[in-house]
Amino acid sequence: MCQRLEFNMPCRQIGDREYLVALSDHSDFDVLIEYVKRTRAKKVVTDNFRSNGDALAKELRKRLGVCAVAMPRSPGQTTLSL
C-alpha cells in the first residue's frame, strides 16, 4: 500500500520521552486511513485548508471510530469537540 517505507511502524520511540513519527503531506485517501489505523490514534485533526479534511475526518469516525475533526472548521460548524 505504501510506496516507500522509512519505518517499520508509523511511530517509534527513540528516547525516554522522544518519538519519531512518520508524516506525509501527499498520501492518498486510503493510505491516510491506514496510517491512522496503524498508529491507533484516539484523536485526529485533519487539514481542511488545503484538502477535503471534512471527508477524511468523517471517514475516520465511520471506519475506525476515531474522534476526528477537520480544521479550520467549515462554514456553519460551530463546535469543536475532540
Protein backbone atom coordinates (compact mmCIF):
# COMPACT_ATOMS: atom_id res chain seq x y z
CA MET A 1 0.00 0.00 0.00
CA CYS A 2 2.76 2.50 0.88
CA GLN A 3 5.22 3.00 -1.91
CA ARG A 4 8.22 3.88 0.24
CA LEU A 5 8.55 2.77 3.83
CA GLU A 6 11.09 4.52 6.01
CA PHE A 7 9.70 2.97 9.17
CA ASN A 8 8.56 -0.48 10.18
CA MET A 9 5.90 1.25 12.26
CA PRO A 10 4.36 4.74 11.86
CA CYS A 11 5.77 5.80 15.22
CA ARG A 12 8.81 4.64 17.15
CA GLN A 13 10.35 5.63 20.45
CA ILE A 14 13.90 6.97 20.19
CA GLY A 15 14.41 8.17 23.77
CA ASP A 16 12.78 8.22 27.19
CA ARG A 17 10.33 10.91 26.09
CA GLU A 18 11.09 11.19 22.39
CA TYR A 19 9.22 9.68 19.48
CA LEU A 20 9.79 9.75 15.74
CA VAL A 21 6.53 9.99 13.81
CA ALA A 22 6.22 9.39 10.07
CA LEU A 23 4.25 12.15 8.35
CA SER A 24 3.35 12.90 4.76
CA ASP A 25 1.56 15.76 3.08
CA HIS A 26 0.88 13.87 -0.15
CA SER A 27 -0.59 10.47 0.72
CA ASP A 28 -3.77 9.25 -0.92
CA PHE A 29 -7.03 8.84 0.99
CA ASP A 30 -6.80 5.10 1.68
CA VAL A 31 -3.17 5.37 2.81
CA LEU A 32 -4.15 8.09 5.28
CA ILE A 33 -6.93 5.88 6.68
CA GLU A 34 -4.44 3.01 7.03
CA TYR A 35 -1.88 5.30 8.67
CA VAL A 36 -4.34 6.38 11.34
CA LYS A 37 -5.39 2.76 11.85
CA ARG A 38 -1.78 1.64 12.35
CA THR A 39 -0.98 4.46 14.77
CA ARG A 40 -4.03 3.59 16.90
CA ALA A 41 -4.67 7.31 17.25
CA LYS A 42 -7.53 8.27 19.55
CA LYS A 43 -7.87 11.85 18.28
CA VAL A 44 -7.07 13.22 14.82
CA VAL A 45 -7.14 16.73 13.36
CA THR A 46 -7.29 16.76 9.55
CA ASP A 47 -6.19 19.56 7.20
CA ASN A 48 -9.30 21.31 5.92
CA PHE A 49 -7.40 24.24 4.43
CA ARG A 50 -5.56 22.60 1.53
CA SER A 51 -7.71 19.49 1.15
CA ASN A 52 -11.09 17.98 1.95
CA GLY A 53 -10.39 17.38 5.62
CA ASP A 54 -14.11 17.10 6.40
CA ALA A 55 -14.42 13.96 4.27
CA LEU A 56 -11.34 12.37 5.84
CA ALA A 57 -12.49 13.19 9.37
CA LYS A 58 -15.93 11.74 8.61
CA GLU A 59 -14.42 8.50 7.25
CA LEU A 60 -12.07 8.17 10.24
CA ARG A 61 -15.06 8.44 12.57
CA LYS A 62 -17.11 6.00 10.47
CA ARG A 63 -14.47 3.34 9.68
CA LEU A 64 -12.27 3.45 12.77
CA GLY A 65 -14.41 5.07 15.46
CA VAL A 66 -11.69 7.71 15.89
CA CYS A 67 -12.54 11.12 17.29
CA ALA A 68 -11.64 13.25 14.23
CA VAL A 69 -12.25 16.87 13.30
CA ALA A 70 -11.25 18.98 10.31
CA MET A 71 -9.50 22.31 10.89
CA PRO A 72 -10.03 25.06 10.02
CA ARG A 73 -13.69 24.46 10.58
CA SER A 74 -16.15 24.60 7.71
CA PRO A 75 -18.63 27.48 7.50
CA GLY A 76 -21.54 26.76 9.80
CA GLN A 77 -19.57 24.43 12.07
CA THR A 78 -19.87 25.99 15.49
CA THR A 79 -18.32 23.50 17.86
CA LEU A 80 -15.02 21.71 18.11
CA SER A 81 -15.06 18.57 20.19
CA LEU A 82 -12.15 16.19 20.44
